[in-house]
Protein backbone atom coordinates (compact mmCIF):
# COMPACT_ATOMS: atom_id res chain seq x y z
CA MET A 1 55.67 3.05 228.35
CA GLN A 2 53.21 4.64 225.89
CA ARG A 3 54.83 2.74 223.02
CA VAL A 4 54.56 -0.59 224.86
CA LEU A 5 50.89 -0.04 225.70
CA THR A 6 50.05 0.72 222.07
CA SER A 7 52.19 -1.95 220.43
CA PRO A 8 50.37 -4.57 218.31
CA LEU A 9 51.66 -7.39 220.55
CA PHE A 10 50.38 -5.73 223.72
CA ILE A 11 47.01 -5.01 222.12
CA ALA A 12 46.70 -8.60 220.86
CA LEU A 13 47.60 -10.09 224.23
CA PHE A 14 45.27 -7.71 226.08
CA ALA A 15 42.44 -8.56 223.69
CA GLY A 16 43.10 -12.25 224.24
CA LEU A 17 43.00 -11.83 228.00
CA LEU A 18 39.72 -9.93 227.78
CA ALA A 19 38.22 -12.63 225.57
CA ALA A 20 39.38 -15.38 227.93
CA ALA A 21 37.99 -13.51 230.94
CA ALA A 22 34.66 -12.99 229.17
CA ALA A 23 34.50 -16.66 228.21
CA GLY A 24 35.29 -17.67 231.77
CA PHE A 25 32.58 -15.38 233.15
CA ILE A 26 30.00 -16.71 230.70
CA ALA A 27 31.00 -20.27 231.54
CA TYR A 28 30.74 -19.55 235.25
CA GLN A 29 27.22 -18.12 234.81
CA GLU A 30 26.14 -21.13 232.75
CA PHE A 31 27.78 -23.80 234.90
CA ALA A 32 27.14 -22.44 238.39
CA GLN A 33 25.62 -24.07 241.38
CA SER A 34 28.41 -25.53 243.43
CA ARG A 35 28.48 -28.86 245.17
CA GLN A 36 27.61 -29.38 248.79
CA THR A 37 30.85 -30.95 249.99
CA GLY A 38 34.15 -29.34 250.96
CA ALA A 39 35.64 -26.25 249.32
CA ASP A 40 33.53 -24.39 246.78
CA THR A 41 35.44 -25.63 243.73
CA VAL A 42 33.04 -27.90 241.85
CA MET A 43 30.21 -26.53 239.75
CA THR A 44 27.17 -28.41 238.51
CA PRO A 45 26.16 -27.47 234.95
CA GLN A 46 22.83 -25.75 234.48
CA VAL A 47 22.98 -26.37 230.72
CA HIS A 48 23.95 -29.39 228.64
CA ILE A 49 27.73 -29.57 228.19
CA GLY A 50 29.65 -32.19 226.25
CA GLY A 51 28.86 -34.66 223.52
CA PRO A 52 30.25 -37.49 221.41
CA PHE A 53 33.66 -37.15 219.80
CA SER A 54 36.01 -39.06 217.52
CA LEU A 55 39.69 -38.17 217.97
CA ILE A 56 43.21 -39.62 217.76
CA ASP A 57 44.90 -40.68 220.99
CA HIS A 58 48.60 -40.39 221.83
CA THR A 59 49.26 -43.88 220.48
CA GLY A 60 47.87 -42.90 217.07
CA ALA A 61 44.62 -44.88 217.50
CA ARG A 62 41.20 -43.50 216.59
CA VAL A 63 39.03 -43.35 219.73
CA THR A 64 35.60 -42.02 220.66
CA ASP A 65 33.88 -41.00 223.86
CA ARG A 66 32.62 -44.61 224.05
CA SER A 67 36.12 -46.13 223.94
CA TYR A 68 36.44 -46.00 227.73
CA GLY A 69 33.53 -48.26 228.60
CA ASP A 70 31.65 -47.38 231.77
CA ARG A 71 34.31 -45.03 233.10
CA HIS A 72 33.67 -41.41 233.94
CA LEU A 73 35.85 -39.08 231.87
CA LEU A 74 37.91 -36.34 233.52
CA VAL A 75 38.49 -33.96 230.61
CA TYR A 76 40.81 -30.96 230.25
CA PHE A 77 41.43 -28.82 227.14
CA GLY A 78 44.84 -27.20 226.61
CA PHE A 79 48.07 -27.49 224.60
CA THR A 80 51.54 -28.89 225.19
CA TYR A 81 53.34 -25.57 224.62
CA CYS A 82 51.30 -23.94 227.39
CA PRO A 83 53.79 -22.28 229.77
CA ASP A 84 51.84 -22.36 233.03
CA VAL A 85 48.08 -22.94 233.25
CA CYS A 86 47.97 -26.35 231.52
CA PRO A 87 50.83 -27.99 233.43
CA THR A 88 49.39 -26.66 236.68
CA ASP A 89 45.89 -27.97 236.02
CA LEU A 90 47.08 -31.30 234.62
CA ALA A 91 49.33 -31.81 237.63
CA VAL A 92 46.30 -31.24 239.87
CA MET A 93 44.28 -33.70 237.80
CA GLY A 94 47.01 -36.33 237.93
CA GLN A 95 47.57 -35.89 241.66
CA ALA A 96 43.83 -36.13 242.31
CA VAL A 97 43.61 -39.43 240.44
CA SER A 98 46.72 -40.66 242.29
CA LEU A 99 45.03 -39.81 245.61
CA LEU A 100 42.06 -41.88 244.56
CA ASP A 101 44.40 -44.68 243.39
CA GLU A 102 45.91 -44.81 246.87
CA GLU A 103 42.89 -44.23 249.09
CA TYR A 104 39.80 -45.15 247.05
CA PRO A 105 40.90 -47.50 244.26
CA GLU A 106 37.31 -48.57 243.59
CA VAL A 107 36.53 -44.95 242.70
CA ALA A 108 39.78 -44.40 240.79
CA GLU A 109 39.11 -47.31 238.46
CA GLN A 110 35.88 -45.59 237.40
CA VAL A 111 37.78 -42.49 236.16
CA GLN A 112 39.66 -41.94 232.89
CA PRO A 113 41.70 -38.70 232.69
CA LEU A 114 41.81 -37.13 229.21
CA PHE A 115 43.78 -34.19 227.82
CA ILE A 116 42.36 -32.74 224.58
CA SER A 117 44.70 -30.46 222.64
CA VAL A 118 43.37 -27.20 221.19
CA ASP A 119 46.60 -26.93 219.16
CA PRO A 120 46.34 -29.86 216.73
CA GLY A 121 48.83 -28.28 214.34
CA ARG A 122 51.68 -28.88 216.79
CA ASP A 123 50.27 -31.51 219.16
CA LYS A 124 50.62 -34.75 217.24
CA PRO A 125 50.47 -38.17 218.97
CA PRO A 126 54.23 -38.37 219.75
CA GLU A 127 54.21 -34.93 221.38
CA LEU A 128 51.11 -35.81 223.38
CA ALA A 129 52.59 -39.15 224.48
CA ALA A 130 55.70 -37.46 225.86
CA TYR A 131 53.59 -34.78 227.54
CA VAL A 132 50.84 -36.73 229.32
CA GLU A 133 53.25 -39.23 230.86
CA ASN A 134 54.42 -36.39 233.13
CA PHE A 135 51.07 -36.24 234.89
CA HIS A 136 49.57 -39.72 235.37
CA PRO A 137 50.21 -43.17 233.85
CA ARG A 138 46.57 -43.49 232.76
CA MET A 139 46.20 -40.03 231.27
CA VAL A 140 45.39 -40.10 227.57
CA GLY A 141 46.25 -37.28 225.17
CA LEU A 142 43.84 -36.61 222.30
CA THR A 143 44.18 -34.63 219.08
CA GLY A 144 42.48 -34.52 215.70
CA SER A 145 41.79 -32.34 212.72
CA ASP A 146 41.03 -28.65 213.16
CA THR A 147 37.35 -29.41 212.56
CA GLU A 148 37.26 -32.29 215.03
CA ILE A 149 38.86 -30.17 217.75
CA ALA A 150 36.54 -27.24 217.01
CA ASP A 151 33.53 -29.55 217.26
CA VAL A 152 34.47 -31.10 220.60
CA ALA A 153 35.48 -27.72 222.03
CA SER A 154 32.13 -26.28 220.97
CA ALA A 155 30.28 -29.18 222.59
CA TYR A 156 32.08 -28.46 225.87
CA ARG A 157 31.67 -24.67 225.48
CA VAL A 158 35.45 -24.27 225.53
CA TYR A 159 36.95 -20.98 224.40
CA TYR A 160 40.27 -21.11 222.53
CA ALA A 161 42.06 -18.80 220.12
CA ARG A 162 45.51 -18.52 218.58
CA GLN A 163 47.63 -15.55 219.65
CA ASP A 164 50.53 -14.82 217.29
CA LEU A 165 53.75 -13.48 218.77
CA GLU A 166 56.21 -11.04 217.21
CA ASP A 167 58.89 -13.71 216.86
CA GLY A 168 56.65 -15.76 214.57
CA ASP A 169 55.69 -18.24 217.27
CA TYR A 170 52.25 -18.40 218.85
CA LEU A 171 50.37 -19.36 222.00
CA MET A 172 46.77 -20.51 222.50
CA ASP A 173 44.38 -18.65 224.75
CA HIS A 174 41.85 -21.04 226.23
CA SER A 175 39.41 -21.48 229.08
CA ALA A 176 40.65 -23.60 231.97
CA PHE A 177 38.04 -25.94 233.41
CA THR A 178 38.20 -29.66 234.15
CA TYR A 179 35.04 -31.60 233.28
CA LEU A 180 33.73 -34.74 234.98
CA VAL A 181 31.60 -36.59 232.44
CA SER A 182 29.35 -39.56 233.14
CA PRO A 183 29.46 -42.75 231.02
CA GLU A 184 26.22 -41.54 229.44
CA GLY A 185 27.98 -38.41 228.20
CA ALA A 186 26.55 -35.88 230.67
CA THR A 187 28.90 -33.41 232.34
CA ILE A 188 28.08 -33.77 236.04
CA GLY A 189 30.79 -31.59 237.55
CA ILE A 190 33.22 -28.85 236.56
CA PHE A 191 36.38 -27.96 238.49
CA ARG A 192 37.81 -24.46 238.45
CA HIS A 193 41.43 -23.61 237.72
CA ASN A 194 42.17 -22.93 241.41
CA SER A 195 41.09 -26.38 242.61
CA THR A 196 43.52 -28.46 244.68
CA PRO A 197 44.14 -32.19 244.15
CA GLU A 198 42.18 -32.84 247.35
CA ASP A 199 39.27 -30.75 246.08
CA VAL A 200 39.16 -32.66 242.80
CA ALA A 201 39.47 -36.07 244.47
CA ASP A 202 36.75 -35.19 246.99
CA GLY A 203 34.53 -33.81 244.24
CA ILE A 204 34.88 -36.98 242.18
CA ARG A 205 34.05 -39.10 245.20
CA ALA A 206 31.01 -36.96 245.96
CA LYS A 207 29.71 -37.28 242.41
CA LEU A 208 30.46 -41.01 242.10
CA GLY A 209 29.27 -41.88 245.57
CA GLY A 210 32.60 -43.30 246.73
């Protein structure tokens, strides 16, 4: 047991977990004040979060934050090789938009779900196209250069870091929030990792007035 606890892999993973936890705590302190409706899962930012971006979508086209017209953006940062957190959160996002599609289509048409990869080295447009189709037909996957991803992640105060594994492979540590962004580029709501599809759908409706 002593050898496991002092192995380089264990130390690296533990350090990554500590960094992710610290980033999450800082984000929580900066974002906090929760919404008034339903479960306490939506936070209203107390600082400016977000900004313009220029990235490549899963069809290979160059897009910007203005490519989606007057829609609100529902934004999540992750990577396609993520074993658990990303598929869980993206499933919640997709199910929330599907709930709105079924029950409040006038609200749903105002929302564009986006998945931004923090692993641009592996997540090229074809990989993103195959990945996002698992979650919602309208979900768009976005990638870019290392600099472009670093810039957009910084604008959204997203933590991410590569964690190398002993077998030569790697994972990406990253914060796990879903951002609701107005057409003007202001983040107006942030959903925690433990949100349910109903929480997210209700939170979107509350923010959009649907």
